[in-house]
Amino acid sequence: MSEKRLALRRKRRVHVWKQRFLLSVIAFAMIVGCSFAFSGIMTSAHDKQNSIPTETSYISIQIESGDSLWSIAEEYKPVSQSTNEYISELIRLNGLTSEDIHADQYLTVACYETTLM
């Protein structure tokens, strides 16, 4: 093969390599960009889900034998609140000095309902 043909082949190979490299860089940039966009969308959706306003109503319940503040909290607390936080709220709402409750006693409990937007 002549020198001229070899030089032309080398030039073509370099050109093809540059094109492939450029396409790889563009593809990588698009993947990274899409990942950031998707991550932002998911974070936004998660934030909206956690900030759904709730409507609070209060009801009076009669304590039955075997009830505890823990079991009552598990039944009435919102998903976003821990059981311990809700128990503290029950104690505060009812002016209790301890976690002791007795059958036939009445407790005021907060009921949370999510509102649809």
PDB file of N, CA and C in Angstrom:
ATOM      1  N   MET A   1       0.820  -1.173   0.000  1.00  0.00           N
ATOM      2  CA  MET A   1       0.000   0.000   0.000  1.00  0.00           C
ATOM      3  C   MET A   1       0.869   1.242   0.000  1.00  0.00           C
ATOM      4  N   SER A   2       0.354   2.187  -0.610  1.00  0.00           N
ATOM      5  CA  SER A   2       1.113   3.425  -0.704  1.00  0.00           C
ATOM      6  C   SER A   2       0.977   4.226   0.577  1.00  0.00           C
ATOM      7  N   GLU A   3       1.912   5.119   0.775  1.00  0.00           N
ATOM      8  CA  GLU A   3       1.924   5.999   1.943  1.00  0.00           C
ATOM      9  C   GLU A   3       0.667   6.856   2.013  1.00  0.00           C
ATOM     10  N   LYS A   4       0.236   7.264   0.843  1.00  0.00           N
ATOM     11  CA  LYS A   4      -0.935   8.137   0.775  1.00  0.00           C
ATOM     12  C   LYS A   4      -2.180   7.403   1.287  1.00  0.00           C
ATOM     13  N   ARG A   5      -2.334   6.155   0.869  1.00  0.00           N
ATOM     14  CA  ARG A   5      -3.499   5.366   1.309  1.00  0.00           C
ATOM     15  C   ARG A   5      -3.444   5.090   2.808  1.00  0.00           C
ATOM     16  N   LEU A   6      -2.273   4.777   3.319  1.00  0.00           N
ATOM     17  CA  LEU A   6      -2.122   4.528   4.755  1.00  0.00           C
ATOM     18  C   LEU A   6      -2.472   5.783   5.564  1.00  0.00           C
ATOM     19  N   ALA A   7      -2.021   6.904   5.115  1.00  0.00           N
ATOM     20  CA  ALA A   7      -2.320   8.167   5.790  1.00  0.00           C
ATOM     21  C   ALA A   7      -3.814   8.440   5.758  1.00  0.00           C
ATOM     22  N   LEU A   8      -4.454   8.156   4.641  1.00  0.00           N
ATOM     23  CA  LEU A   8      -5.900   8.360   4.501  1.00  0.00           C
ATOM     24  C   LEU A   8      -6.660   7.444   5.456  1.00  0.00           C
ATOM     25  N   ARG A   9      -6.234   6.170   5.564  1.00  0.00           N
ATOM     26  CA  ARG A   9      -6.881   5.223   6.473  1.00  0.00           C
ATOM     27  C   ARG A   9      -6.743   5.685   7.924  1.00  0.00           C
ATOM     28  N   ARG A  10      -5.545   6.128   8.293  1.00  0.00           N
ATOM     29  CA  ARG A  10      -5.319   6.624   9.646  1.00  0.00           C
ATOM     30  C   ARG A  10      -6.216   7.819   9.945  1.00  0.00           C
ATOM     31  N   LYS A  11      -6.304   8.695   8.975  1.00  0.00           N
ATOM     32  CA  LYS A  11      -7.139   9.891   9.123  1.00  0.00           C
ATOM     33  C   LYS A  11      -8.603   9.496   9.304  1.00  0.00           C
ATOM     34  N   ARG A  12      -9.042   8.519   8.533  1.00  0.00           N
ATOM     35  CA  ARG A  12     -10.420   8.049   8.634  1.00  0.00           C
ATOM     36  C   ARG A  12     -10.690   7.405   9.994  1.00  0.00           C
ATOM     37  N   ARG A  13      -9.731   6.597  10.466  1.00  0.00           N
ATOM     38  CA  ARG A  13      -9.872   5.947  11.771  1.00  0.00           C
ATOM     39  C   ARG A  13      -9.958   6.990  12.890  1.00  0.00           C
ATOM     40  N   VAL A  14      -9.117   7.987  12.808  1.00  0.00           N
ATOM     41  CA  VAL A  14      -9.136   9.052  13.806  1.00  0.00           C
ATOM     42  C   VAL A  14     -10.468   9.779  13.758  1.00  0.00           C
ATOM     43  N   HIS A  15     -10.951  10.037  12.567  1.00  0.00           N
ATOM     44  CA  HIS A  15     -12.239  10.721  12.407  1.00  0.00           C
ATOM     45  C   HIS A  15     -13.368   9.875  12.997  1.00  0.00           C
ATOM     46  N   VAL A  16     -13.389   8.584  12.731  1.00  0.00           N
ATOM     47  CA  VAL A  16     -14.417   7.680  13.264  1.00  0.00           C
ATOM     48  C   VAL A  16     -14.309   7.623  14.786  1.00  0.00           C
ATOM     49  N   TRP A  17     -13.080   7.545  15.297  1.00  0.00           N
ATOM     50  CA  TRP A  17     -12.880   7.504  16.737  1.00  0.00           C
ATOM     51  C   TRP A  17     -13.391   8.785  17.391  1.00  0.00           C
ATOM     52  N   LYS A  18     -13.119   9.922  16.796  1.00  0.00           N
ATOM     53  CA  LYS A  18     -13.600  11.197  17.319  1.00  0.00           C
ATOM     54  C   LYS A  18     -15.119  11.253  17.332  1.00  0.00           C
ATOM     55  N   GLN A  19     -15.751  10.753  16.275  1.00  0.00           N
ATOM     56  CA  GLN A  19     -17.217  10.744  16.206  1.00  0.00           C
ATOM     57  C   GLN A  19     -17.791   9.860  17.310  1.00  0.00           C
ATOM     58  N   ARG A  20     -17.225   8.667  17.466  1.00  0.00           N
ATOM     59  CA  ARG A  20     -17.718   7.751  18.501  1.00  0.00           C
ATOM     60  C   ARG A  20     -17.517   8.339  19.896  1.00  0.00           C
ATOM     61  N   PHE A  21     -16.367   8.947  20.110  1.00  0.00           N
ATOM     62  CA  PHE A  21     -16.091   9.577  21.402  1.00  0.00           C
ATOM     63  C   PHE A  21     -17.093  10.690  21.676  1.00  0.00           C
ATOM     64  N   LEU A  22     -17.334  11.520  20.702  1.00  0.00           N
ATOM     65  CA  LEU A  22     -18.281  12.619  20.843  1.00  0.00           C
ATOM     66  C   LEU A  22     -19.688  12.087  21.128  1.00  0.00           C
ATOM     67  N   LEU A  23     -20.113  11.056  20.419  1.00  0.00           N
ATOM     68  CA  LEU A  23     -21.429  10.460  20.670  1.00  0.00           C
ATOM     69  C   LEU A  23     -21.510   9.862  22.071  1.00  0.00           C
ATOM     70  N   SER A  24     -20.428   9.247  22.518  1.00  0.00           N
ATOM     71  CA  SER A  24     -20.402   8.681  23.872  1.00  0.00           C
ATOM     72  C   SER A  24     -20.535   9.779  24.922  1.00  0.00           C
ATOM     73  N   VAL A  25     -19.825  10.885  24.734  1.00  0.00           N
ATOM     74  CA  VAL A  25     -19.900  12.000  25.673  1.00  0.00           C
ATOM     75  C   VAL A  25     -21.313  12.581  25.692  1.00  0.00           C
ATOM     76  N   ILE A  26     -21.917  12.741  24.526  1.00  0.00           N
ATOM     77  CA  ILE A  26     -23.287  13.273  24.449  1.00  0.00           C
ATOM     78  C   ILE A  26     -24.272  12.324  25.128  1.00  0.00           C
ATOM     79  N   ALA A  27     -24.128  11.007  24.870  1.00  0.00           N
ATOM     80  CA  ALA A  27     -25.020  10.029  25.496  1.00  0.00           C
ATOM     81  C   ALA A  27     -24.871  10.066  27.020  1.00  0.00           C
ATOM     82  N   PHE A  28     -23.631  10.136  27.496  1.00  0.00           N
ATOM     83  CA  PHE A  28     -23.383  10.195  28.938  1.00  0.00           C
ATOM     84  C   PHE A  28     -24.016  11.449  29.538  1.00  0.00           C
ATOM     85  N   ALA A  29     -23.837  12.587  28.872  1.00  0.00           N
ATOM     86  CA  ALA A  29     -24.410  13.840  29.359  1.00  0.00           C
ATOM     87  C   ALA A  29     -25.937  13.763  29.408  1.00  0.00           C
ATOM     88  N   MET A  30     -26.531  13.133  28.419  1.00  0.00           N
ATOM     89  CA  MET A  30     -27.995  12.996  28.406  1.00  0.00           C
ATOM     90  C   MET A  30     -28.463  12.098  29.549  1.00  0.00           C
ATOM     91  N   ILE A  31     -27.740  11.021  29.805  1.00  0.00           N
ATOM     92  CA  ILE A  31     -28.113  10.116  30.895  1.00  0.00           C
ATOM     93  C   ILE A  31     -28.012  10.835  32.229  1.00  0.00           C
ATOM     94  N   VAL A  32     -26.931  11.561  32.439  1.00  0.00           N
ATOM     95  CA  VAL A  32     -26.762  12.305  33.689  1.00  0.00           C
ATOM     96  C   VAL A  32     -27.853  13.364  33.823  1.00  0.00           C
ATOM     97  N   GLY A  33     -28.129  14.085  32.736  1.00  0.00           N
ATOM     98  CA  GLY A  33     -29.172  15.106  32.771  1.00  0.00           C
ATOM     99  C   GLY A  33     -30.539  14.531  33.099  1.00  0.00           C
ATOM    100  N   CYS A  34     -30.867  13.403  32.481  1.00  0.00           N
ATOM    101  CA  CYS A  34     -32.156  12.748  32.748  1.00  0.00           C
ATOM    102  C   CYS A  34     -32.219  12.254  34.195  1.00  0.00           C
ATOM    103  N   SER A  35     -31.097  11.750  34.697  1.00  0.00           N
ATOM    104  CA  SER A  35     -31.069  11.280  36.087  1.00  0.00           C
ATOM    105  C   SER A  35     -31.356  12.424  37.052  1.00  0.00           C
ATOM    106  N   PHE A  36     -30.714  13.581  36.823  1.00  0.00           N
ATOM    107  CA  PHE A  36     -30.964  14.729  37.684  1.00  0.00           C
ATOM    108  C   PHE A  36     -32.412  15.192  37.565  1.00  0.00           C
ATOM    109  N   ALA A  37     -32.941  15.213  36.363  1.00  0.00           N
ATOM    110  CA  ALA A  37     -34.326  15.645  36.166  1.00  0.00           C
ATOM    111  C   ALA A  37     -35.280  14.694  36.881  1.00  0.00           C
ATOM    112  N   PHE A  38     -35.068  13.394  36.726  1.00  0.00           N
ATOM    113  CA  PHE A  38     -35.938  12.395  37.360  1.00  0.00           C
ATOM    114  C   PHE A  38     -35.828  12.485  38.879  1.00  0.00           C
ATOM    115  N   SER A  39     -34.613  12.678  39.372  1.00  0.00           N
ATOM    116  CA  SER A  39     -34.401  12.812  40.808  1.00  0.00           C
ATOM    117  C   SER A  39     -35.152  14.027  41.341  1.00  0.00           C
ATOM    118  N   GLY A  40     -35.116  15.134  40.609  1.00  0.00           N
ATOM    119  CA  GLY A  40     -35.830  16.340  41.023  1.00  0.00           C
ATOM    120  C   GLY A  40     -37.332  16.135  41.049  1.00  0.00           C
ATOM    121  N   ILE A  41     -37.840  15.420  40.061  1.00  0.00           N
ATOM    122  CA  ILE A  41     -39.279  15.139  40.002  1.00  0.00           C
ATOM    123  C   ILE A  41     -39.690  14.267  41.181  1.00  0.00           C
ATOM    124  N   MET A  42     -38.895  13.238  41.467  1.00  0.00           N
ATOM    125  CA  MET A  42     -39.232  12.338  42.568  1.00  0.00           C
ATOM    126  C   MET A  42     -39.157  13.065  43.906  1.00  0.00           C
ATOM    127  N   THR A  43     -38.161  13.915  44.101  1.00  0.00           N
ATOM    128  CA  THR A  43     -38.041  14.680  45.336  1.00  0.00           C
ATOM    129  C   THR A  43     -39.232  15.617  45.490  1.00  0.00           C
ATOM    130  N   SER A  44     -39.626  16.256  44.409  1.00  0.00           N
ATOM    131  CA  SER A  44     -40.765  17.160  44.430  1.00  0.00           C
ATOM    132  C   SER A  44     -42.041  16.407  44.789  1.00  0.00           C
ATOM    133  N   ALA A  45     -42.234  15.237  44.198  1.00  0.00           N
ATOM    134  CA  ALA A  45     -43.424  14.433  44.486  1.00  0.00           C
ATOM    135  C   ALA A  45     -43.421  13.973  45.935  1.00  0.00           C
ATOM    136  N   HIS A  46     -42.245  13.590  46.442  1.00  0.00           N
ATOM    137  CA  HIS A  46     -42.145  13.145  47.825  1.00  0.00           C
ATOM    138  C   HIS A  46     -42.463  14.295  48.778  1.00  0.00           C
ATOM    139  N   ASP A  47     -41.949  15.493  48.504  1.00  0.00           N
ATOM    140  CA  ASP A  47     -42.223  16.655  49.335  1.00  0.00           C
ATOM    141  C   ASP A  47     -43.711  16.984  49.332  1.00  0.00           C
ATOM    142  N   LYS A  48     -44.360  16.902  48.178  1.00  0.00           N
ATOM    143  CA  LYS A  48     -45.799  17.190  48.107  1.00  0.00           C
ATOM    144  C   LYS A  48     -46.589  16.173  48.897  1.00  0.00           C
ATOM    145  N   GLN A  49     -46.163  14.908  48.821  1.00  0.00           N
ATOM    146  CA  GLN A  49     -46.870  13.846  49.525  1.00  0.00           C
ATOM    147  C   GLN A  49     -46.784  14.065  51.033  1.00  0.00           C
ATOM    148  N   ASN A  50     -45.636  14.504  51.527  1.00  0.00           N
ATOM    149  CA  ASN A  50     -45.461  14.720  52.953  1.00  0.00           C
ATOM    150  C   ASN A  50     -46.132  15.990  53.448  1.00  0.00           C
ATOM    151  N   SER A  51     -46.484  16.895  52.553  1.00  0.00           N
ATOM    152  CA  SER A  51     -47.045  18.161  53.000  1.00  0.00           C
ATOM    153  C   SER A  51     -48.541  18.264  52.722  1.00  0.00           C
ATOM    154  N   ILE A  52     -49.215  17.131  52.548  1.00  0.00           N
ATOM    155  CA  ILE A  52     -50.662  17.160  52.354  1.00  0.00           C
ATOM    156  C   ILE A  52     -51.291  17.676  53.645  1.00  0.00           C
ATOM    157  N   PRO A  53     -52.077  18.731  53.560  1.00  0.00           N
ATOM    158  CA  PRO A  53     -52.680  19.259  54.775  1.00  0.00           C
ATOM    159  C   PRO A  53     -53.669  18.266  55.380  1.00  0.00           C
ATOM    160  N   THR A  54     -53.787  18.286  56.685  1.00  0.00           N
ATOM    161  CA  THR A  54     -54.729  17.394  57.348  1.00  0.00           C
ATOM    162  C   THR A  54     -55.760  18.216  58.099  1.00  0.00           C
ATOM    163  N   GLU A  55     -56.899  17.619  58.237  1.00  0.00           N
ATOM    164  CA  GLU A  55     -57.981  18.240  58.991  1.00  0.00           C
ATOM    165  C   GLU A  55     -58.059  17.504  60.324  1.00  0.00           C
ATOM    166  N   THR A  56     -58.071  18.230  61.406  1.00  0.00           N
ATOM    167  CA  THR A  56     -58.094  17.610  62.724  1.00  0.00           C
ATOM    168  C   THR A  56     -59.470  17.763  63.337  1.00  0.00           C
ATOM    169  N   SER A  57     -59.978  16.654  63.846  1.00  0.00           N
ATOM    170  CA  SER A  57     -61.212  16.708  64.629  1.00  0.00           C
ATOM    171  C   SER A  57     -60.944  15.951  65.928  1.00  0.00           C
ATOM    172  N   TYR A  58     -61.727  16.246  66.928  1.00  0.00           N
ATOM    173  CA  TYR A  58     -61.530  15.627  68.241  1.00  0.00           C
ATOM    174  C   TYR A  58     -62.796  14.876  68.613  1.00  0.00           C
ATOM    175  N   ILE A  59     -62.581  13.662  69.116  1.00  0.00           N
ATOM    176  CA  ILE A  59     -63.723  12.872  69.583  1.00  0.00           C
ATOM    177  C   ILE A  59     -63.414  12.356  70.978  1.00  0.00           C
ATOM    178  N   SER A  60     -64.451  11.992  71.669  1.00  0.00           N
ATOM    179  CA  SER A  60     -64.309  11.422  73.002  1.00  0.00           C
ATOM    180  C   SER A  60     -64.582   9.925  72.893  1.00  0.00           C
ATOM    181  N   ILE A  61     -63.672   9.144  73.443  1.00  0.00           N
ATOM    182  CA  ILE A  61     -63.870   7.691  73.413  1.00  0.00           C
ATOM    183  C   ILE A  61     -63.894   7.163  74.843  1.00  0.00           C
ATOM    184  N   GLN A  62     -64.612   6.070  75.032  1.00  0.00           N
ATOM    185  CA  GLN A  62     -64.642   5.440  76.340  1.00  0.00           C
ATOM    186  C   GLN A  62     -63.613   4.313  76.348  1.00  0.00           C
ATOM    187  N   ILE A  63     -62.766   4.322  77.352  1.00  0.00           N
ATOM    188  CA  ILE A  63     -61.713   3.314  77.449  1.00  0.00           C
ATOM    189  C   ILE A  63     -62.335   1.995  77.876  1.00  0.00           C
ATOM    190  N   GLU A  64     -61.943   0.952  77.181  1.00  0.00           N
ATOM    191  CA  GLU A  64     -62.427  -0.390  77.503  1.00  0.00           C
ATOM    192  C   GLU A  64     -61.330  -1.160  78.220  1.00  0.00           C
ATOM    193  N   SER A  65     -61.710  -2.211  78.870  1.00  0.00           N
ATOM    194  CA  SER A  65     -60.748  -3.052  79.568  1.00  0.00           C
ATOM    195  C   SER A  65     -59.694  -3.554  78.582  1.00  0.00           C
ATOM    196  N   GLY A  66     -58.437  -3.436  78.945  1.00  0.00           N
ATOM    197  CA  GLY A  66     -57.348  -3.889  78.075  1.00  0.00           C
ATOM    198  C   GLY A  66     -56.766  -2.784  77.196  1.00  0.00           C
ATOM    199  N   ASP A  67     -57.446  -1.624  77.129  1.00  0.00           N
ATOM    200  CA  ASP A  67     -56.924  -0.511  76.336  1.00  0.00           C
ATOM    201  C   ASP A  67     -55.703   0.105  77.025  1.00  0.00           C
ATOM    202  N   SER A  68     -54.822   0.633  76.240  1.00  0.00           N
ATOM    203  CA  SER A  68     -53.668   1.385  76.746  1.00  0.00           C
ATOM    204  C   SER A  68     -53.497   2.594  75.842  1.00  0.00           C
ATOM    205  N   LEU A  69     -52.720   3.564  76.297  1.00  0.00           N
ATOM    206  CA  LEU A  69     -52.456   4.717  75.436  1.00  0.00           C
ATOM    207  C   LEU A  69     -51.771   4.264  74.145  1.00  0.00           C
ATOM    208  N   TRP A  70     -50.946   3.245  74.256  1.00  0.00           N
ATOM    209  CA  TRP A  70     -50.241   2.708  73.081  1.00  0.00           C
ATOM    210  C   TRP A  70     -51.239   2.165  72.060  1.00  0.00           C
ATOM    211  N   SER A  71     -52.209   1.348  72.506  1.00  0.00           N
ATOM    212  CA  SER A  71     -53.170   0.753  71.566  1.00  0.00           C
ATOM    213  C   SER A  71     -54.092   1.823  70.972  1.00  0.00           C
ATOM    214  N   ILE A  72     -54.442   2.810  71.781  1.00  0.00           N
ATOM    215  CA  ILE A  72     -55.283   3.900  71.281  1.00  0.00           C
ATOM    216  C   ILE A  72     -54.511   4.727  70.264  1.00  0.00           C
ATOM    217  N   ALA A  73     -53.234   5.003  70.558  1.00  0.00           N
ATOM    218  CA  ALA A  73     -52.396   5.761  69.620  1.00  0.00           C
ATOM    219  C   ALA A  73     -52.246   5.011  68.304  1.00  0.00           C
ATOM    220  N   GLU A  74     -52.042   3.722  68.359  1.00  0.00           N
ATOM    221  CA  GLU A  74     -51.906   2.925  67.134  1.00  0.00           C
ATOM    222  C   GLU A  74     -53.167   2.996  66.273  1.00  0.00           C
ATOM    223  N   GLU A  75     -54.327   3.124  66.923  1.00  0.00           N
ATOM    224  CA  GLU A  75     -55.586   3.168  66.185  1.00  0.00           C
ATOM    225  C   GLU A  75     -55.872   4.541  65.575  1.00  0.00           C
ATOM    226  N   TYR A  76     -55.507   5.619  66.269  1.00  0.00           N
ATOM    227  CA  TYR A  76     -55.931   6.951  65.849  1.00  0.00           C
ATOM    228  C   TYR A  76     -54.832   7.850  65.269  1.00  0.00           C
ATOM    229  N   LYS A  77     -53.573   7.516  65.460  1.00  0.00           N
ATOM    230  CA  LYS A  77     -52.497   8.402  65.019  1.00  0.00           C
ATOM    231  C   LYS A  77     -52.384   8.439  63.497  1.00  0.00           C
ATOM    232  N   PRO A  78     -51.931   9.586  62.959  1.00  0.00           N
ATOM    233  CA  PRO A  78     -51.698   9.645  61.514  1.00  0.00           C
ATOM    234  C   PRO A  78     -50.409   8.891  61.169  1.00  0.00           C
ATOM    235  N   VAL A  79     -50.293   8.474  59.941  1.00  0.00           N
ATOM    236  CA  VAL A  79     -49.131   7.703  59.488  1.00  0.00           C
ATOM    237  C   VAL A  79     -47.834   8.492  59.676  1.00  0.00           C
ATOM    238  N   SER A  80     -47.907   9.794  59.506  1.00  0.00           N
ATOM    239  CA  SER A  80     -46.704  10.622  59.559  1.00  0.00           C
ATOM    240  C   SER A  80     -46.215  10.898  60.980  1.00  0.00           C
ATOM    241  N   GLN A  81     -46.954  10.472  61.990  1.00  0.00           N
ATOM    242  CA  GLN A  81     -46.595  10.765  63.374  1.00  0.00           C
ATOM    243  C   GLN A  81     -46.212   9.473  64.086  1.00  0.00           C
ATOM    244  N   SER A  82     -45.204   9.560  64.945  1.00  0.00           N
ATOM    245  CA  SER A  82     -44.801   8.365  65.695  1.00  0.00           C
ATOM    246  C   SER A  82     -45.804   8.105  66.816  1.00  0.00           C
ATOM    247  N   THR A  83     -45.826   6.876  67.259  1.00  0.00           N
ATOM    248  CA  THR A  83     -46.730   6.502  68.346  1.00  0.00           C
ATOM    249  C   THR A  83     -46.393   7.278  69.614  1.00  0.00           C
ATOM    250  N   ASN A  84     -45.110   7.438  69.910  1.00  0.00           N
ATOM    251  CA  ASN A  84     -44.703   8.189  71.110  1.00  0.00           C
ATOM    252  C   ASN A  84     -45.164   9.641  71.051  1.00  0.00           C
ATOM    253  N   GLU A  85     -45.065  10.264  69.878  1.00  0.00           N
ATOM    254  CA  GLU A  85     -45.531  11.647  69.730  1.00  0.00           C
ATOM    255  C   GLU A  85     -47.036  11.737  69.977  1.00  0.00           C
ATOM    256  N   TYR A  86     -47.780  10.765  69.435  1.00  0.00           N
ATOM    257  CA  TYR A  86     -49.232  10.792  69.609  1.00  0.00           C
ATOM    258  C   TYR A  86     -49.613  10.554  71.069  1.00  0.00           C
ATOM    259  N   ILE A  87     -48.899   9.660  71.737  1.00  0.00           N
ATOM    260  CA  ILE A  87     -49.166   9.420  73.164  1.00  0.00           C
ATOM    261  C   ILE A  87     -48.927  10.705  73.956  1.00  0.00           C
ATOM    262  N   SER A  88     -47.853  11.415  73.655  1.00  0.00           N
ATOM    263  CA  SER A  88     -47.588  12.694  74.324  1.00  0.00           C
ATOM    264  C   SER A  88     -48.731  13.672  74.080  1.00  0.00           C
ATOM    265  N   GLU A  89     -49.257  13.658  72.852  1.00  0.00           N
ATOM    266  CA  GLU A  89     -50.386  14.531  72.522  1.00  0.00           C
ATOM    267  C   GLU A  89     -51.629  14.131  73.325  1.00  0.00           C
ATOM    268  N   LEU A  90     -51.884  12.818  73.465  1.00  0.00           N
ATOM    269  CA  LEU A  90     -53.027  12.353  74.261  1.00  0.00           C
ATOM    270  C   LEU A  90     -52.892  12.795  75.712  1.00  0.00           C
ATOM    271  N   ILE A  91     -51.702  12.666  76.268  1.00  0.00           N
ATOM    272  CA  ILE A  91     -51.461  13.070  77.659  1.00  0.00           C
ATOM    273  C   ILE A  91     -51.721  14.563  77.817  1.00  0.00           C
ATOM    274  N   ARG A  92     -51.218  15.363  76.875  1.00  0.00           N
ATOM    275  CA  ARG A  92     -51.407  16.816  76.940  1.00  0.00           C
ATOM    276  C   ARG A  92     -52.882  17.186  76.772  1.00  0.00           C
ATOM    277  N   LEU A  93     -53.550  16.579  75.772  1.00  0.00           N
ATOM    278  CA  LEU A  93     -54.964  16.884  75.502  1.00  0.00           C
ATOM    279  C   LEU A  93     -55.862  16.597  76.702  1.00  0.00           C
ATOM    280  N   ASN A  94     -55.549  15.526  77.417  1.00  0.00           N
ATOM    281  CA  ASN A  94     -56.426  15.079  78.492  1.00  0.00           C
ATOM    282  C   ASN A  94     -55.942  15.471  79.880  1.00  0.00           C
ATOM    283  N   GLY A  95     -54.849  16.227  79.939  1.00  0.00           N
ATOM    284  CA  GLY A  95     -54.338  16.677  81.233  1.00  0.00           C
ATOM    285  C   GLY A  95     -53.912  15.528  82.136  1.00  0.00           C
ATOM    286  N   LEU A  96     -53.417  14.460  81.551  1.00  0.00           N
ATOM    287  CA  LEU A  96     -52.999  13.307  82.343  1.00  0.00           C
ATOM    288  C   LEU A  96     -51.643  13.581  82.979  1.00  0.00           C
ATOM    289  N   THR A  97     -51.416  12.983  84.150  1.00  0.00           N
ATOM    290  CA  THR A  97     -50.117  13.124  84.812  1.00  0.00           C
ATOM    291  C   THR A  97     -49.233  11.898  84.601  1.00  0.00           C
ATOM    292  N   SER A  98     -49.833  10.830  84.066  1.00  0.00           N
ATOM    293  CA  SER A  98     -49.063   9.618  83.765  1.00  0.00           C
ATOM    294  C   SER A  98     -49.738   8.912  82.589  1.00  0.00           C
ATOM    295  N   GLU A  99     -49.201   7.769  82.227  1.00  0.00           N
ATOM    296  CA  GLU A  99     -49.774   6.995  81.125  1.00  0.00           C
ATOM    297  C   GLU A  99     -50.844   6.018  81.610  1.00  0.00           C
ATOM    298  N   ASP A 100     -51.187   6.082  82.888  1.00  0.00           N
ATOM    299  CA  ASP A 100     -52.191   5.172  83.437  1.00  0.00           C
ATOM    300  C   ASP A 100     -53.586   5.620  83.028  1.00  0.00           C
ATOM    301  N   ILE A 101     -54.336   4.692  82.440  1.00  0.00           N
ATOM    302  CA  ILE A 101     -55.749   4.934  82.110  1.00  0.00           C
ATOM    303  C   ILE A 101     -56.559   3.742  82.608  1.00  0.00           C
ATOM    304  N   HIS A 102     -57.851   3.965  82.799  1.00  0.00           N
ATOM    305  CA  HIS A 102     -58.692   2.917  83.387  1.00  0.00           C
ATOM    306  C   HIS A 102     -59.959   2.742  82.565  1.00  0.00           C
ATOM    307  N   ALA A 103     -60.488   1.527  82.598  1.00  0.00           N
ATOM    308  CA  ALA A 103     -61.729   1.224  81.891  1.00  0.00           C
ATOM    309  C   ALA A 103     -62.830   2.161  82.349  1.00  0.00           C
ATOM    310  N   ASP A 104     -63.716   2.510  81.427  1.00  0.00           N
ATOM    311  CA  ASP A 104     -64.858   3.402  81.624  1.00  0.00           C
ATOM    312  C   ASP A 104     -64.466   4.877  81.718  1.00  0.00           C
ATOM    313  N   GLN A 105     -63.192   5.183  81.717  1.00  0.00           N
ATOM    314  CA  GLN A 105     -62.730   6.577  81.675  1.00  0.00           C
ATOM    315  C   GLN A 105     -62.919   7.074  80.238  1.00  0.00           C
ATOM    316  N   TYR A 106     -63.081   8.378  80.051  1.00  0.00           N
ATOM    317  CA  TYR A 106     -63.219   8.954  78.712  1.00  0.00           C
ATOM    318  C   TYR A 106     -61.945   9.707  78.363  1.00  0.00           C
ATOM    319  N   LEU A 107     -61.543   9.576  77.110  1.00  0.00           N
ATOM    320  CA  LEU A 107     -60.372  10.292  76.600  1.00  0.00           C
ATOM    321  C   LEU A 107     -60.763  11.081  75.368  1.00  0.00           C
ATOM    322  N   THR A 108     -60.182  12.252  75.227  1.00  0.00           N
ATOM    323  CA  THR A 108     -60.330  13.015  73.991  1.00  0.00           C
ATOM    324  C   THR A 108     -59.171  12.617  73.093  1.00  0.00           C
ATOM    325  N   VAL A 109     -59.480  12.227  71.864  1.00  0.00           N
ATOM    326  CA  VAL A 109     -58.429  11.845  70.915  1.00  0.00           C
ATOM    327  C   VAL A 109     -58.563  12.713  69.665  1.00  0.00           C
ATOM    328  N   ALA A 110     -57.410  12.982  69.070  1.00  0.00           N
ATOM    329  CA  ALA A 110     -57.386  13.750  67.830  1.00  0.00           C
ATOM    330  C   ALA A 110     -57.463  12.762  66.658  1.00  0.00           C
ATOM    331  N   CYS A 111     -58.346  13.066  65.733  1.00  0.00           N
ATOM    332  CA  CYS A 111     -58.477  12.265  64.522  1.00  0.00           C
ATOM    333  C   CYS A 111     -58.021  13.125  63.349  1.00  0.00           C
ATOM    334  N   TYR A 112     -57.115  12.607  62.555  1.00  0.00           N
ATOM    335  CA  TYR A 112     -56.585  13.356  61.427  1.00  0.00           C
ATOM    336  C   TYR A 112     -57.092  12.759  60.121  1.00  0.00           C
ATOM    337  N   GLU A 113     -57.607  13.605  59.274  1.00  0.00           N
ATOM    338  CA  GLU A 113     -58.064  13.180  57.959  1.00  0.00           C
ATOM    339  C   GLU A 113     -57.311  13.987  56.916  1.00  0.00           C
ATOM    340  N   THR A 114     -56.802  13.307  55.898  1.00  0.00           N
ATOM    341  CA  THR A 114     -56.119  14.051  54.843  1.00  0.00           C
ATOM    342  C   THR A 114     -57.170  14.658  53.923  1.00  0.00           C
ATOM    343  N   THR A 115     -56.889  15.849  53.460  1.00  0.00           N
ATOM    344  CA  THR A 115     -57.814  16.499  52.545  1.00  0.00           C
ATOM    345  C   THR A 115     -57.276  16.362  51.126  1.00  0.00           C
ATOM    346  N   LEU A 116     -58.171  16.145  50.199  1.00  0.00           N
ATOM    347  CA  LEU A 116     -57.778  16.004  48.806  1.00  0.00           C
ATOM    348  C   LEU A 116     -57.717  17.369  48.163  1.00  0.00           C
ATOM    349  N   MET A 117     -56.708  17.574  47.341  1.00  0.00           N
ATOM    350  CA  MET A 117     -56.560  18.876  46.673  1.00  0.00           C
ATOM    351  C   MET A 117     -57.050  18.752  45.261  1.00  0.00           C
TER     352      MET A 117
END
